Protein backbone atom coordinates (compact mmCIF):
# COMPACT_ATOMS: atom_id res chain seq x y z
CA LEU A 1 -46.19 -63.12 -87.75
CA CYS A 2 -46.28 -59.82 -85.96
CA ASP A 3 -44.53 -56.87 -87.55
CA GLU A 4 -41.83 -56.82 -84.87
CA LEU A 5 -40.86 -60.43 -85.51
CA LYS A 6 -40.97 -59.91 -89.28
CA SER A 7 -38.54 -57.01 -88.98
CA LYS A 8 -36.15 -59.11 -86.88
CA VAL A 9 -36.25 -61.92 -89.45
CA LYS A 10 -35.46 -59.58 -92.37
CA PRO A 11 -31.65 -59.82 -92.06
CA PHE A 12 -31.91 -63.61 -92.49
CA LEU A 13 -34.26 -63.69 -95.49
CA HIS A 14 -31.42 -64.03 -98.02
CA ARG A 15 -30.53 -67.33 -96.31
CA VAL A 16 -33.99 -68.89 -96.05
CA GLN A 17 -37.16 -69.51 -97.99
CA PHE A 18 -39.79 -67.71 -95.94
CA GLU A 19 -43.36 -69.02 -95.91
CA SER A 20 -46.16 -67.40 -93.97
CA VAL A 21 -49.23 -69.53 -93.19
CA ASP A 22 -52.63 -67.90 -92.84
CA ILE A 23 -54.23 -69.91 -90.04
CA SER A 24 -57.63 -68.40 -90.80
CA GLN A 25 -57.81 -70.37 -94.07
CA LYS A 26 -59.67 -73.66 -93.90
CA VAL A 27 -56.75 -75.63 -95.40
CA ASN A 28 -54.58 -74.52 -92.46
CA VAL A 29 -56.97 -75.51 -89.68
CA ARG A 30 -54.37 -77.88 -88.22
CA TRP A 31 -52.06 -74.90 -87.59
CA LEU A 32 -54.93 -72.91 -86.10
CA ARG A 33 -55.66 -75.69 -83.61
CA LEU A 34 -52.01 -75.91 -82.61
CA TYR A 35 -51.08 -72.24 -82.46
CA ARG A 36 -54.17 -70.06 -82.19
CA TYR A 37 -52.91 -68.75 -78.84
CA GLU A 38 -49.18 -69.12 -79.45
CA ILE A 39 -48.62 -66.94 -82.50
CA PRO A 40 -46.14 -66.02 -83.83
CA VAL A 41 -44.45 -69.39 -84.10
CA VAL A 42 -41.31 -69.90 -86.18
CA PHE A 43 -40.18 -73.18 -87.69
CA LEU A 44 -36.93 -73.85 -89.55
CA ASN A 45 -36.87 -76.91 -91.82
CA GLY A 46 -40.04 -78.14 -90.15
CA GLU A 47 -38.54 -77.97 -86.66
CA TYR A 48 -39.81 -75.61 -83.98
CA LEU A 49 -37.50 -72.63 -83.48
CA CYS A 50 -39.32 -70.15 -81.24
CA LYS A 51 -42.58 -68.37 -80.53
CA HIS A 52 -43.64 -64.83 -79.69
CA ALA A 53 -40.12 -63.36 -80.05
CA LEU A 54 -37.39 -64.34 -82.48
CA ASP A 55 -34.43 -66.10 -80.90
CA GLU A 56 -31.86 -64.60 -83.28
CA LEU A 57 -28.91 -66.46 -81.76
CA LEU A 58 -30.64 -69.82 -82.11
CA LEU A 59 -31.71 -68.97 -85.68
CA GLU A 60 -28.12 -68.07 -86.58
CA GLN A 61 -26.80 -71.29 -85.02
CA ARG A 62 -29.31 -73.46 -86.86
CA LEU A 63 -28.71 -71.69 -90.18
CA LYS A 64 -24.94 -72.20 -89.83
CA ALA A 65 -25.48 -75.89 -89.05
CA ILE A 66 -27.65 -76.27 -92.16
CA GLU A 67 -25.21 -74.35 -94.36
CA ASN A 68 -22.27 -76.45 -93.14
CA ARG A 69 -23.89 -79.77 -94.00
């Protein structure tokens, strides 16, 4: 992820398990094929959340929904 998006995600890190995927590694070639031109891409629980810029409102809504389950 770009530094700008990483800084916007910081306030949420205590609520999520953050995993960054290096698409240049051979084991992640599937992600490279999908997102080589669309990075950064953010997923939450395996579901697409946003790309390029963090949608903080949507992230907050989805986190609340998960926490209230």
